[in-house]
Protein backbone atom coordinates (compact mmCIF):
# COMPACT_ATOMS: atom_id res chain seq x y z
CA MET A 1 106.14 -11.38 131.81
CA ALA A 2 103.15 -12.84 129.90
CA GLN A 3 103.79 -14.65 126.62
CA PRO A 4 102.13 -11.92 124.37
CA GLU A 5 104.16 -9.14 126.03
CA ARG A 6 107.33 -11.20 125.62
CA LEU A 7 106.57 -11.75 121.95
CA LEU A 8 105.71 -8.07 121.53
CA LYS A 9 109.09 -6.97 123.08
CA GLU A 10 110.96 -9.48 120.99
CA VAL A 11 109.55 -8.18 117.70
CA VAL A 12 109.68 -4.41 118.44
CA ASN A 13 113.24 -4.65 119.88
CA SER A 14 114.46 -6.49 116.85
CA GLN A 15 113.09 -3.98 114.32
CA TYR A 16 114.22 -0.50 113.46
CA PHE A 17 111.43 0.65 111.13
CA ALA A 18 107.67 0.70 111.13
CA VAL A 19 105.11 1.58 108.47
CA LEU A 20 103.13 4.58 109.71
CA ASN A 21 99.56 4.86 108.45
CA SER A 22 97.77 8.17 108.74
CA VAL A 23 94.83 9.88 107.11
CA GLY A 24 94.74 13.41 105.63
CA GLU A 25 92.27 15.07 103.36
CA GLY A 26 90.15 11.91 103.54
CA GLN A 27 92.91 9.78 102.08
CA PRO A 28 95.04 7.06 103.72
CA TYR A 29 98.86 7.55 103.55
CA SER A 30 101.76 5.30 104.58
CA ASN A 31 105.36 6.12 105.45
CA LEU A 32 108.39 4.23 106.69
CA VAL A 33 109.62 5.66 110.02
CA ALA A 34 112.54 4.87 112.26
CA PHE A 35 111.07 4.39 115.72
CA ALA A 36 111.73 3.55 119.29
CA ILE A 37 109.47 2.37 122.07
CA THR A 38 109.65 3.30 125.73
CA ASP A 39 110.54 0.57 128.23
CA ASP A 40 106.99 0.54 129.56
CA LEU A 41 105.64 -0.02 125.97
CA LYS A 42 103.11 2.85 126.49
CA SER A 43 104.71 5.24 124.01
CA LEU A 44 106.38 5.05 120.60
CA VAL A 45 108.50 7.92 119.20
CA PHE A 46 109.66 8.99 115.79
CA VAL A 47 110.79 12.31 114.19
CA THR A 48 109.72 13.97 111.09
CA ASP A 49 110.18 17.27 109.27
CA ARG A 50 107.22 19.59 109.82
CA ASN A 51 106.94 20.19 106.08
CA THR A 52 105.70 16.69 105.23
CA ARG A 53 102.37 15.16 104.51
CA LYS A 54 102.95 12.80 107.36
CA TYR A 55 103.22 15.71 109.78
CA ARG A 56 100.19 17.51 108.29
CA ASN A 57 98.15 14.37 108.50
CA ILE A 58 98.92 13.86 112.16
CA LYS A 59 97.97 17.48 112.94
CA GLU A 60 94.63 17.01 111.08
CA ASN A 61 93.87 13.55 112.50
CA ALA A 62 95.96 12.23 115.46
CA LYS A 63 94.57 8.66 115.23
CA ILE A 64 97.21 6.48 113.58
CA ALA A 65 98.33 2.86 113.15
CA LEU A 66 101.79 1.46 112.68
CA LEU A 67 102.86 -1.92 111.37
CA ILE A 68 106.00 -3.49 112.76
CA ASP A 69 106.96 -6.91 111.53
CA ASN A 70 109.83 -9.37 111.59
CA ARG A 71 109.66 -10.83 108.10
CA THR A 72 112.78 -11.71 106.29
CA ASN A 73 111.53 -11.68 102.71
CA GLN A 74 111.66 -15.47 102.58
CA THR A 75 108.86 -17.84 101.63
CA THR A 76 108.88 -19.16 105.20
CA ASP A 77 107.61 -15.83 106.35
CA VAL A 78 104.12 -17.10 105.51
CA THR A 79 104.17 -19.28 108.61
CA LYS A 80 106.95 -17.74 110.68
CA ALA A 81 106.59 -13.95 110.55
CA THR A 82 104.89 -11.97 113.24
CA ALA A 83 103.26 -8.62 112.59
CA ILE A 84 102.39 -6.07 115.28
CA THR A 85 99.80 -3.43 114.60
CA VAL A 86 100.09 -0.45 116.96
CA ILE A 87 97.02 1.67 117.31
CA GLY A 88 97.25 4.94 119.08
CA THR A 89 97.17 8.75 119.07
CA ALA A 90 100.11 10.82 117.73
CA ARG A 91 101.09 14.26 118.84
CA GLU A 92 104.17 16.52 118.57
CA GLU A 93 105.94 16.46 121.89
CA LEU A 94 106.89 19.96 123.02
CA ASP A 95 107.22 19.65 126.82
CA ASN A 96 109.22 16.49 127.44
CA LYS A 97 110.92 16.12 124.06
CA SER A 98 114.45 15.68 125.39
CA ASN A 99 113.43 12.44 127.16
CA PHE A 100 111.74 11.11 124.05
CA ARG A 101 114.62 12.21 121.85
CA ALA A 102 116.96 10.29 124.16
CA VAL A 103 114.83 7.10 123.73
CA LEU A 104 115.00 7.51 119.93
CA LEU A 105 118.64 8.33 119.77
CA LYS A 106 119.61 5.38 121.94
CA ARG A 107 118.02 3.18 119.22
CA HIS A 108 119.05 5.41 116.27
CA PRO A 109 122.24 7.34 117.05
CA GLN A 110 122.71 7.90 113.29
CA LEU A 111 119.67 10.29 113.41
CA GLU A 112 121.28 12.81 115.72
CA TYR A 113 121.85 15.37 113.01
CA PHE A 114 118.18 15.22 111.99
CA VAL A 115 116.70 15.07 115.51
CA PHE A 116 118.13 18.46 116.40
CA GLU A 117 117.26 20.30 113.15
CA PRO A 118 115.00 23.29 113.90
CA ASN A 119 112.18 21.98 111.69
CA THR A 120 112.16 18.53 113.02
CA ALA A 121 109.16 17.48 115.08
CA THR A 122 109.46 14.87 117.81
CA VAL A 123 106.27 12.79 117.46
CA VAL A 124 105.04 10.60 120.37
CA VAL A 125 102.35 8.00 119.91
CA LYS A 126 100.32 7.14 123.00
CA VAL A 127 99.77 3.44 122.45
CA ARG A 128 96.20 2.26 122.98
CA VAL A 129 96.57 -1.34 121.79
CA TYR A 130 99.01 -3.75 120.17
CA ILE A 131 97.56 -6.45 117.96
CA ILE A 132 100.00 -9.32 117.48
CA ALA A 133 99.31 -11.47 114.47
CA GLY A 134 101.02 -14.53 113.11
CA PHE A 135 100.11 -17.57 110.99
CA ASP A 136 98.41 -19.45 113.82
CA LYS A 137 97.62 -16.74 116.37
CA THR A 138 96.24 -13.25 116.96
CA GLN A 139 96.64 -11.66 120.42
CA THR A 140 95.79 -8.28 121.72
CA VAL A 141 97.70 -6.38 124.36
CA PHE A 142 95.90 -3.27 125.72
CA MET A 143 98.01 -0.55 127.00
CA SER A 144 95.65 2.35 127.82
CA GLN A 145 92.11 3.47 127.15
């Protein structure tokens, strides 16, 4: 496994939350989401209620970004933290949602009650690129075009 991919897996596997950035009605919007990533790193999954701005924004404009980082809220984060920007396309999964739900529930079993609510959407992000940034490095890992 190449060094950027190893660092990518290390960060995403150590974090449970990401900041989702979407755009709706011409305005940027950010949310904290509990996420999981498939083993092949090509897809990221989270769930949301369909009656949210987050969901409406994704329906209006599927291009999103997420930020995943390993900061510890210490002053040393300036030189030690790594941030991963995930750029991709989000959509509600309707056909294969049980597989994606399983990926999410393996990482977040506490969300089981919410995952199976009738108004909960399983959102899958097809990852186009990961941008890995730290104090002395920026690396890009392309997943798909």
